[in-house]
Amino acid sequence: MDLSMLLTEFYGKVQADNRISVTHISLYVALLHEMVCAGGIDLLLLRPDMIMEKSKISSRVTYHRCMRALHEYGYILYEPSFRPGESKVSLIDLV
């Protein structure tokens, strides 16, 4: 998966998607950055506190709402878990 291409495709798609807010964009970019830092992996085990800090989201409610929304809108695959560090996310090829 080419991560720079994912970002380009993401911005192209969100321009026409009125459901996406700046919070969704910030969260997606933070997830993308985490995947780049992890060596370009396709599946990321989430550490919500780190993702929230990178995306400047201060509320867990907002974080979870935006993660679910990105999943429902088809931007990510998100498998939540009630155990810390066991939620999984992968970015979807948006072409």
PDB file of N, CA and C in Angstrom:
ATOM      1  N   MET A   1       0.842  -1.182   0.000  1.00  0.00           N
ATOM      2  CA  MET A   1       0.000   0.000   0.000  1.00  0.00           C
ATOM      3  C   MET A   1       0.885   1.242   0.000  1.00  0.00           C
ATOM      4  N   ASP A   2       0.682   2.125  -0.942  1.00  0.00           N
ATOM      5  CA  ASP A   2       1.419   3.368  -1.045  1.00  0.00           C
ATOM      6  C   ASP A   2       0.725   4.410  -0.165  1.00  0.00           C
ATOM      7  N   LEU A   3       1.374   4.779   0.933  1.00  0.00           N
ATOM      8  CA  LEU A   3       0.737   5.665   1.908  1.00  0.00           C
ATOM      9  C   LEU A   3       0.545   7.086   1.386  1.00  0.00           C
ATOM     10  N   SER A   4       1.464   7.568   0.565  1.00  0.00           N
ATOM     11  CA  SER A   4       1.277   8.923   0.020  1.00  0.00           C
ATOM     12  C   SER A   4       0.093   8.942  -0.944  1.00  0.00           C
ATOM     13  N   MET A   5      -0.102   7.855  -1.675  1.00  0.00           N
ATOM     14  CA  MET A   5      -1.245   7.759  -2.586  1.00  0.00           C
ATOM     15  C   MET A   5      -2.552   7.711  -1.792  1.00  0.00           C
ATOM     16  N   LEU A   6      -2.545   7.009  -0.641  1.00  0.00           N
ATOM     17  CA  LEU A   6      -3.735   6.965   0.221  1.00  0.00           C
ATOM     18  C   LEU A   6      -4.139   8.369   0.652  1.00  0.00           C
ATOM     19  N   LEU A   7      -3.164   9.174   1.033  1.00  0.00           N
ATOM     20  CA  LEU A   7      -3.455  10.538   1.475  1.00  0.00           C
ATOM     21  C   LEU A   7      -4.029  11.361   0.331  1.00  0.00           C
ATOM     22  N   THR A   8      -3.460  11.227  -0.851  1.00  0.00           N
ATOM     23  CA  THR A   8      -3.957  11.944  -2.025  1.00  0.00           C
ATOM     24  C   THR A   8      -5.390  11.520  -2.342  1.00  0.00           C
ATOM     25  N   GLU A   9      -5.643  10.223  -2.329  1.00  0.00           N
ATOM     26  CA  GLU A   9      -6.983   9.706  -2.600  1.00  0.00           C
ATOM     27  C   GLU A   9      -7.966  10.157  -1.526  1.00  0.00           C
ATOM     28  N   PHE A  10      -7.523  10.161  -0.265  1.00  0.00           N
ATOM     29  CA  PHE A  10      -8.375  10.581   0.841  1.00  0.00           C
ATOM     30  C   PHE A  10      -8.828  12.023   0.648  1.00  0.00           C
ATOM     31  N   TYR A  11      -7.884  12.931   0.386  1.00  0.00           N
ATOM     32  CA  TYR A  11      -8.257  14.338   0.213  1.00  0.00           C
ATOM     33  C   TYR A  11      -9.149  14.538  -1.005  1.00  0.00           C
ATOM     34  N   GLY A  12      -8.905  13.778  -2.060  1.00  0.00           N
ATOM     35  CA  GLY A  12      -9.769  13.867  -3.231  1.00  0.00           C
ATOM     36  C   GLY A  12     -11.197  13.448  -2.918  1.00  0.00           C
ATOM     37  N   LYS A  13     -11.342  12.405  -2.106  1.00  0.00           N
ATOM     38  CA  LYS A  13     -12.673  11.899  -1.771  1.00  0.00           C
ATOM     39  C   LYS A  13     -13.395  12.791  -0.758  1.00  0.00           C
ATOM     40  N   VAL A  14     -12.686  13.311   0.246  1.00  0.00           N
ATOM     41  CA  VAL A  14     -13.365  14.097   1.283  1.00  0.00           C
ATOM     42  C   VAL A  14     -13.832  15.461   0.790  1.00  0.00           C
ATOM     43  N   GLN A  15     -13.243  15.949  -0.302  1.00  0.00           N
ATOM     44  CA  GLN A  15     -13.689  17.237  -0.843  1.00  0.00           C
ATOM     45  C   GLN A  15     -15.161  17.185  -1.233  1.00  0.00           C
ATOM     46  N   ALA A  16     -15.612  16.022  -1.671  1.00  0.00           N
ATOM     47  CA  ALA A  16     -17.007  15.883  -2.110  1.00  0.00           C
ATOM     48  C   ALA A  16     -17.908  15.266  -1.046  1.00  0.00           C
ATOM     49  N   ASP A  17     -17.360  14.955   0.117  1.00  0.00           N
ATOM     50  CA  ASP A  17     -18.119  14.281   1.174  1.00  0.00           C
ATOM     51  C   ASP A  17     -18.433  15.272   2.296  1.00  0.00           C
ATOM     52  N   ASN A  18     -19.663  15.760   2.329  1.00  0.00           N
ATOM     53  CA  ASN A  18     -20.062  16.768   3.332  1.00  0.00           C
ATOM     54  C   ASN A  18     -20.154  16.218   4.747  1.00  0.00           C
ATOM     55  N   ARG A  19     -20.099  14.909   4.910  1.00  0.00           N
ATOM     56  CA  ARG A  19     -20.167  14.305   6.253  1.00  0.00           C
ATOM     57  C   ARG A  19     -18.842  14.437   6.995  1.00  0.00           C
ATOM     58  N   ILE A  20     -17.765  14.657   6.279  1.00  0.00           N
ATOM     59  CA  ILE A  20     -16.426  14.674   6.862  1.00  0.00           C
ATOM     60  C   ILE A  20     -16.098  16.067   7.396  1.00  0.00           C
ATOM     61  N   SER A  21     -15.661  16.098   8.655  1.00  0.00           N
ATOM     62  CA  SER A  21     -15.280  17.360   9.296  1.00  0.00           C
ATOM     63  C   SER A  21     -13.757  17.409   9.473  1.00  0.00           C
ATOM     64  N   VAL A  22     -13.279  18.523   9.972  1.00  0.00           N
ATOM     65  CA  VAL A  22     -11.845  18.658  10.225  1.00  0.00           C
ATOM     66  C   VAL A  22     -11.371  17.635  11.257  1.00  0.00           C
ATOM     67  N   THR A  23     -12.229  17.238  12.161  1.00  0.00           N
ATOM     68  CA  THR A  23     -11.866  16.244  13.165  1.00  0.00           C
ATOM     69  C   THR A  23     -11.627  14.885  12.505  1.00  0.00           C
ATOM     70  N   HIS A  24     -12.482  14.520  11.557  1.00  0.00           N
ATOM     71  CA  HIS A  24     -12.284  13.268  10.823  1.00  0.00           C
ATOM     72  C   HIS A  24     -10.957  13.300  10.056  1.00  0.00           C
ATOM     73  N   ILE A  25     -10.683  14.426   9.419  1.00  0.00           N
ATOM     74  CA  ILE A  25      -9.456  14.569   8.632  1.00  0.00           C
ATOM     75  C   ILE A  25      -8.242  14.464   9.542  1.00  0.00           C
ATOM     76  N   SER A  26      -8.269  15.142  10.659  1.00  0.00           N
ATOM     77  CA  SER A  26      -7.169  15.104  11.604  1.00  0.00           C
ATOM     78  C   SER A  26      -6.929  13.681  12.119  1.00  0.00           C
ATOM     79  N   LEU A  27      -7.987  12.978  12.410  1.00  0.00           N
ATOM     80  CA  LEU A  27      -7.886  11.603  12.901  1.00  0.00           C
ATOM     81  C   LEU A  27      -7.299  10.699  11.824  1.00  0.00           C
ATOM     82  N   TYR A  28      -7.765  10.817  10.597  1.00  0.00           N
ATOM     83  CA  TYR A  28      -7.262   9.999   9.495  1.00  0.00           C
ATOM     84  C   TYR A  28      -5.770  10.250   9.289  1.00  0.00           C
ATOM     85  N   VAL A  29      -5.358  11.511   9.291  1.00  0.00           N
ATOM     86  CA  VAL A  29      -3.942  11.843   9.086  1.00  0.00           C
ATOM     87  C   VAL A  29      -3.095  11.304  10.244  1.00  0.00           C
ATOM     88  N   ALA A  30      -3.602  11.351  11.469  1.00  0.00           N
ATOM     89  CA  ALA A  30      -2.877  10.784  12.610  1.00  0.00           C
ATOM     90  C   ALA A  30      -2.719   9.270  12.450  1.00  0.00           C
ATOM     91  N   LEU A  31      -3.757   8.595  11.979  1.00  0.00           N
ATOM     92  CA  LEU A  31      -3.670   7.151  11.731  1.00  0.00           C
ATOM     93  C   LEU A  31      -2.649   6.861  10.639  1.00  0.00           C
ATOM     94  N   LEU A  32      -2.677   7.643   9.577  1.00  0.00           N
ATOM     95  CA  LEU A  32      -1.729   7.477   8.486  1.00  0.00           C
ATOM     96  C   LEU A  32      -0.299   7.681   8.990  1.00  0.00           C
ATOM     97  N   HIS A  33      -0.102   8.693   9.804  1.00  0.00           N
ATOM     98  CA  HIS A  33       1.230   8.969  10.360  1.00  0.00           C
ATOM     99  C   HIS A  33       1.707   7.808  11.219  1.00  0.00           C
ATOM    100  N   GLU A  34       0.835   7.255  12.029  1.00  0.00           N
ATOM    101  CA  GLU A  34       1.202   6.100  12.863  1.00  0.00           C
ATOM    102  C   GLU A  34       1.632   4.917  12.003  1.00  0.00           C
ATOM    103  N   MET A  35       0.936   4.699  10.901  1.00  0.00           N
ATOM    104  CA  MET A  35       1.284   3.582  10.015  1.00  0.00           C
ATOM    105  C   MET A  35       2.634   3.817   9.348  1.00  0.00           C
ATOM    106  N   VAL A  36       2.918   5.062   8.976  1.00  0.00           N
ATOM    107  CA  VAL A  36       4.219   5.390   8.398  1.00  0.00           C
ATOM    108  C   VAL A  36       5.321   5.163   9.438  1.00  0.00           C
ATOM    109  N   CYS A  37       5.090   5.621  10.663  1.00  0.00           N
ATOM    110  CA  CYS A  37       6.075   5.454  11.736  1.00  0.00           C
ATOM    111  C   CYS A  37       6.309   3.985  12.084  1.00  0.00           C
ATOM    112  N   ALA A  38       5.306   3.166  11.853  1.00  0.00           N
ATOM    113  CA  ALA A  38       5.416   1.735  12.145  1.00  0.00           C
ATOM    114  C   ALA A  38       5.997   0.966  10.963  1.00  0.00           C
ATOM    115  N   GLY A  39       6.498   1.672   9.963  1.00  0.00           N
ATOM    116  CA  GLY A  39       7.135   1.016   8.838  1.00  0.00           C
ATOM    117  C   GLY A  39       6.220   0.701   7.678  1.00  0.00           C
ATOM    118  N   GLY A  40       5.092   1.389   7.598  1.00  0.00           N
ATOM    119  CA  GLY A  40       4.185   1.200   6.474  1.00  0.00           C
ATOM    120  C   GLY A  40       3.323  -0.043   6.578  1.00  0.00           C
ATOM    121  N   ILE A  41       3.032  -0.461   7.792  1.00  0.00           N
ATOM    122  CA  ILE A  41       2.206  -1.656   7.982  1.00  0.00           C
ATOM    123  C   ILE A  41       0.771  -1.400   7.538  1.00  0.00           C
ATOM    124  N   ASP A  42       0.050  -2.477   7.242  1.00  0.00           N
ATOM    125  CA  ASP A  42      -1.335  -2.360   6.790  1.00  0.00           C
ATOM    126  C   ASP A  42      -2.344  -2.403   7.936  1.00  0.00           C
ATOM    127  N   LEU A  43      -1.958  -2.981   9.066  1.00  0.00           N
ATOM    128  CA  LEU A  43      -2.864  -3.124  10.208  1.00  0.00           C
ATOM    129  C   LEU A  43      -2.195  -2.523  11.436  1.00  0.00           C
ATOM    130  N   LEU A  44      -2.913  -1.662  12.113  1.00  0.00           N
ATOM    131  CA  LEU A  44      -2.366  -0.955  13.265  1.00  0.00           C
ATOM    132  C   LEU A  44      -3.154  -1.315  14.509  1.00  0.00           C
ATOM    133  N   LEU A  45      -2.451  -1.726  15.570  1.00  0.00           N
ATOM    134  CA  LEU A  45      -3.080  -1.885  16.878  1.00  0.00           C
ATOM    135  C   LEU A  45      -3.081  -0.508  17.516  1.00  0.00           C
ATOM    136  N   LEU A  46      -4.256  -0.032  17.854  1.00  0.00           N
ATOM    137  CA  LEU A  46      -4.412   1.354  18.298  1.00  0.00           C
ATOM    138  C   LEU A  46      -4.006   1.581  19.736  1.00  0.00           C
ATOM    139  N   ARG A  47      -3.370   2.719  19.929  1.00  0.00           N
ATOM    140  CA  ARG A  47      -3.140   3.266  21.258  1.00  0.00           C
ATOM    141  C   ARG A  47      -3.888   4.596  21.261  1.00  0.00           C
ATOM    142  N   PRO A  48      -5.153   4.570  21.709  1.00  0.00           N
ATOM    143  CA  PRO A  48      -6.018   5.761  21.578  1.00  0.00           C
ATOM    144  C   PRO A  48      -5.415   7.043  22.118  1.00  0.00           C
ATOM    145  N   ASP A  49      -4.720   6.988  23.248  1.00  0.00           N
ATOM    146  CA  ASP A  49      -4.163   8.218  23.816  1.00  0.00           C
ATOM    147  C   ASP A  49      -3.176   8.879  22.854  1.00  0.00           C
ATOM    148  N   MET A  50      -2.352   8.065  22.193  1.00  0.00           N
ATOM    149  CA  MET A  50      -1.375   8.617  21.257  1.00  0.00           C
ATOM    150  C   MET A  50      -2.070   9.186  20.019  1.00  0.00           C
ATOM    151  N   ILE A  51      -3.053   8.466  19.499  1.00  0.00           N
ATOM    152  CA  ILE A  51      -3.782   8.936  18.320  1.00  0.00           C
ATOM    153  C   ILE A  51      -4.555  10.211  18.652  1.00  0.00           C
ATOM    154  N   MET A  52      -5.159  10.254  19.836  1.00  0.00           N
ATOM    155  CA  MET A  52      -5.892  11.450  20.252  1.00  0.00           C
ATOM    156  C   MET A  52      -4.950  12.648  20.364  1.00  0.00           C
ATOM    157  N   GLU A  53      -3.765  12.431  20.915  1.00  0.00           N
ATOM    158  CA  GLU A  53      -2.798  13.517  21.056  1.00  0.00           C
ATOM    159  C   GLU A  53      -2.355  14.025  19.686  1.00  0.00           C
ATOM    160  N   LYS A  54      -2.049  13.109  18.766  1.00  0.00           N
ATOM    161  CA  LYS A  54      -1.598  13.502  17.433  1.00  0.00           C
ATOM    162  C   LYS A  54      -2.687  14.225  16.643  1.00  0.00           C
ATOM    163  N   SER A  55      -3.939  13.803  16.837  1.00  0.00           N
ATOM    164  CA  SER A  55      -5.033  14.408  16.077  1.00  0.00           C
ATOM    165  C   SER A  55      -5.655  15.606  16.796  1.00  0.00           C
ATOM    166  N   LYS A  56      -5.148  15.914  17.984  1.00  0.00           N
ATOM    167  CA  LYS A  56      -5.649  17.045  18.787  1.00  0.00           C
ATOM    168  C   LYS A  56      -7.108  16.862  19.200  1.00  0.00           C
ATOM    169  N   ILE A  57      -7.496  15.612  19.433  1.00  0.00           N
ATOM    170  CA  ILE A  57      -8.836  15.304  19.938  1.00  0.00           C
ATOM    171  C   ILE A  57      -8.707  15.095  21.441  1.00  0.00           C
ATOM    172  N   SER A  58      -9.451  15.865  22.223  1.00  0.00           N
ATOM    173  CA  SER A  58      -9.314  15.785  23.670  1.00  0.00           C
ATOM    174  C   SER A  58     -10.394  14.938  24.339  1.00  0.00           C
ATOM    175  N   SER A  59     -11.427  14.592  23.612  1.00  0.00           N
ATOM    176  CA  SER A  59     -12.534  13.835  24.187  1.00  0.00           C
ATOM    177  C   SER A  59     -12.566  12.411  23.631  1.00  0.00           C
ATOM    178  N   ARG A  60     -12.643  11.430  24.524  1.00  0.00           N
ATOM    179  CA  ARG A  60     -12.755  10.034  24.088  1.00  0.00           C
ATOM    180  C   ARG A  60     -14.052   9.808  23.313  1.00  0.00           C
ATOM    181  N   VAL A  61     -15.110  10.507  23.697  1.00  0.00           N
ATOM    182  CA  VAL A  61     -16.388  10.378  22.995  1.00  0.00           C
ATOM    183  C   VAL A  61     -16.222  10.816  21.541  1.00  0.00           C
ATOM    184  N   THR A  62     -15.571  11.951  21.322  1.00  0.00           N
ATOM    185  CA  THR A  62     -15.339  12.446  19.967  1.00  0.00           C
ATOM    186  C   THR A  62     -14.444  11.489  19.198  1.00  0.00           C
ATOM    187  N   TYR A  63     -13.403  10.987  19.828  1.00  0.00           N
ATOM    188  CA  TYR A  63     -12.498  10.034  19.190  1.00  0.00           C
ATOM    189  C   TYR A  63     -13.267   8.804  18.697  1.00  0.00           C
ATOM    190  N   HIS A  64     -14.049   8.195  19.578  1.00  0.00           N
ATOM    191  CA  HIS A  64     -14.788   6.981  19.212  1.00  0.00           C
ATOM    192  C   HIS A  64     -15.866   7.278  18.161  1.00  0.00           C
ATOM    193  N   ARG A  65     -16.512   8.415  18.267  1.00  0.00           N
ATOM    194  CA  ARG A  65     -17.534   8.796  17.290  1.00  0.00           C
ATOM    195  C   ARG A  65     -16.912   8.947  15.906  1.00  0.00           C
ATOM    196  N   CYS A  66     -15.775   9.604  15.835  1.00  0.00           N
ATOM    197  CA  CYS A  66     -15.114   9.823  14.544  1.00  0.00           C
ATOM    198  C   CYS A  66     -14.530   8.528  13.980  1.00  0.00           C
ATOM    199  N   MET A  67     -14.003   7.666  14.837  1.00  0.00           N
ATOM    200  CA  MET A  67     -13.497   6.371  14.352  1.00  0.00           C
ATOM    201  C   MET A  67     -14.641   5.558  13.748  1.00  0.00           C
ATOM    202  N   ARG A  68     -15.770   5.507  14.454  1.00  0.00           N
ATOM    203  CA  ARG A  68     -16.930   4.766  13.930  1.00  0.00           C
ATOM    204  C   ARG A  68     -17.419   5.381  12.623  1.00  0.00           C
ATOM    205  N   ALA A  69     -17.446   6.702  12.552  1.00  0.00           N
ATOM    206  CA  ALA A  69     -17.915   7.375  11.348  1.00  0.00           C
ATOM    207  C   ALA A  69     -16.993   7.081  10.165  1.00  0.00           C
ATOM    208  N   LEU A  70     -15.687   7.161  10.360  1.00  0.00           N
ATOM    209  CA  LEU A  70     -14.749   6.858   9.279  1.00  0.00           C
ATOM    210  C   LEU A  70     -14.921   5.425   8.796  1.00  0.00           C
ATOM    211  N   HIS A  71     -15.217   4.522   9.726  1.00  0.00           N
ATOM    212  CA  HIS A  71     -15.477   3.128   9.362  1.00  0.00           C
ATOM    213  C   HIS A  71     -16.781   3.018   8.561  1.00  0.00           C
ATOM    214  N   GLU A  72     -17.835   3.621   9.060  1.00  0.00           N
ATOM    215  CA  GLU A  72     -19.147   3.557   8.399  1.00  0.00           C
ATOM    216  C   GLU A  72     -19.125   4.214   7.024  1.00  0.00           C
ATOM    217  N   TYR A  73     -18.330   5.270   6.854  1.00  0.00           N
ATOM    218  CA  TYR A  73     -18.274   5.991   5.585  1.00  0.00           C
ATOM    219  C   TYR A  73     -17.332   5.321   4.579  1.00  0.00           C
ATOM    220  N   GLY A  74     -16.628   4.285   5.011  1.00  0.00           N
ATOM    221  CA  GLY A  74     -15.781   3.527   4.095  1.00  0.00           C
ATOM    222  C   GLY A  74     -14.358   4.035   3.926  1.00  0.00           C
ATOM    223  N   TYR A  75     -13.843   4.775   4.904  1.00  0.00           N
ATOM    224  CA  TYR A  75     -12.473   5.276   4.827  1.00  0.00           C
ATOM    225  C   TYR A  75     -11.476   4.366   5.537  1.00  0.00           C
ATOM    226  N   ILE A  76     -11.933   3.665   6.575  1.00  0.00           N
ATOM    227  CA  ILE A  76     -11.069   2.762   7.334  1.00  0.00           C
ATOM    228  C   ILE A  76     -11.836   1.486   7.674  1.00  0.00           C
ATOM    229  N   LEU A  77     -11.087   0.449   8.025  1.00  0.00           N
ATOM    230  CA  LEU A  77     -11.670  -0.738   8.635  1.00  0.00           C
ATOM    231  C   LEU A  77     -11.292  -0.663  10.113  1.00  0.00           C
ATOM    232  N   TYR A  78     -12.277  -0.642  10.984  1.00  0.00           N
ATOM    233  CA  TYR A  78     -12.057  -0.437  12.411  1.00  0.00           C
ATOM    234  C   TYR A  78     -12.698  -1.569  13.186  1.00  0.00           C
ATOM    235  N   GLU A  79     -11.890  -2.238  13.997  1.00  0.00           N
ATOM    236  CA  GLU A  79     -12.364  -3.307  14.868  1.00  0.00           C
ATOM    237  C   GLU A  79     -12.132  -2.871  16.316  1.00  0.00           C
ATOM    238  N   PRO A  80     -13.152  -2.264  16.946  1.00  0.00           N
ATOM    239  CA  PRO A  80     -12.963  -1.800  18.323  1.00  0.00           C
ATOM    240  C   PRO A  80     -12.853  -2.959  19.305  1.00  0.00           C
ATOM    241  N   SER A  81     -12.175  -2.697  20.400  1.00  0.00           N
ATOM    242  CA  SER A  81     -12.052  -3.660  21.481  1.00  0.00           C
ATOM    243  C   SER A  81     -12.158  -2.892  22.792  1.00  0.00           C
ATOM    244  N   PHE A  82     -12.694  -3.549  23.801  1.00  0.00           N
ATOM    245  CA  PHE A  82     -12.788  -2.901  25.111  1.00  0.00           C
ATOM    246  C   PHE A  82     -11.496  -3.035  25.895  1.00  0.00           C
ATOM    247  N   ARG A  83     -10.535  -3.774  25.352  1.00  0.00           N
ATOM    248  CA  ARG A  83      -9.228  -3.926  25.992  1.00  0.00           C
ATOM    249  C   ARG A  83      -8.261  -2.916  25.370  1.00  0.00           C
ATOM    250  N   PRO A  84      -7.583  -2.145  26.197  1.00  0.00           N
ATOM    251  CA  PRO A  84      -6.647  -1.139  25.682  1.00  0.00           C
ATOM    252  C   PRO A  84      -5.564  -1.768  24.807  1.00  0.00           C
ATOM    253  N   GLY A  85      -5.295  -1.150  23.679  1.00  0.00           N
ATOM    254  CA  GLY A  85      -4.253  -1.605  22.780  1.00  0.00           C
ATOM    255  C   GLY A  85      -4.632  -2.769  21.890  1.00  0.00           C
ATOM    256  N   GLU A  86      -5.906  -3.189  21.920  1.00  0.00           N
ATOM    257  CA  GLU A  86      -6.320  -4.321  21.099  1.00  0.00           C
ATOM    258  C   GLU A  86      -7.284  -3.939  19.980  1.00  0.00           C
ATOM    259  N   SER A  87      -7.684  -2.679  19.906  1.00  0.00           N
ATOM    260  CA  SER A  87      -8.486  -2.229  18.772  1.00  0.00           C
ATOM    261  C   SER A  87      -7.580  -2.204  17.545  1.00  0.00           C
ATOM    262  N   LYS A  88      -8.158  -2.548  16.394  1.00  0.00           N
ATOM    263  CA  LYS A  88      -7.379  -2.615  15.160  1.00  0.00           C
ATOM    264  C   LYS A  88      -7.978  -1.683  14.118  1.00  0.00           C
ATOM    265  N   VAL A  89      -7.093  -1.136  13.297  1.00  0.00           N
ATOM    266  CA  VAL A  89      -7.554  -0.281  12.203  1.00  0.00           C
ATOM    267  C   VAL A  89      -6.642  -0.495  10.992  1.00  0.00           C
ATOM    268  N   SER A  90      -7.232  -0.437   9.832  1.00  0.00           N
ATOM    269  CA  SER A  90      -6.472  -0.423   8.595  1.00  0.00           C
ATOM    270  C   SER A  90      -7.137   0.579   7.657  1.00  0.00           C
ATOM    271  N   LEU A  91      -6.327   1.162   6.810  1.00  0.00           N
ATOM    272  CA  LEU A  91      -6.826   2.160   5.868  1.00  0.00           C
ATOM    273  C   LEU A  91      -7.272   1.455   4.611  1.00  0.00           C
ATOM    274  N   ILE A  92      -8.383   1.889   4.057  1.00  0.00           N
ATOM    275  CA  ILE A  92      -8.949   1.281   2.871  1.00  0.00           C
ATOM    276  C   ILE A  92      -8.417   1.999   1.632  1.00  0.00           C
ATOM    277  N   ASP A  93      -8.099   1.225   0.595  1.00  0.00           N
ATOM    278  CA  ASP A  93      -7.722   1.809  -0.684  1.00  0.00           C
ATOM    279  C   ASP A  93      -8.960   2.492  -1.264  1.00  0.00           C
ATOM    280  N   LEU A  94      -8.914   3.784  -1.467  1.00  0.00           N
ATOM    281  CA  LEU A  94     -10.101   4.568  -1.817  1.00  0.00           C
ATOM    282  C   LEU A  94     -10.322   4.745  -3.314  1.00  0.00           C
ATOM    283  N   VAL A  95      -9.516   4.099  -4.131  1.00  0.00           N
ATOM    284  CA  VAL A  95      -9.682   4.222  -5.589  1.00  0.00           C
ATOM    285  C   VAL A  95     -10.919   3.499  -6.033  1.00  0.00           C
TER     286      VAL A  95
END
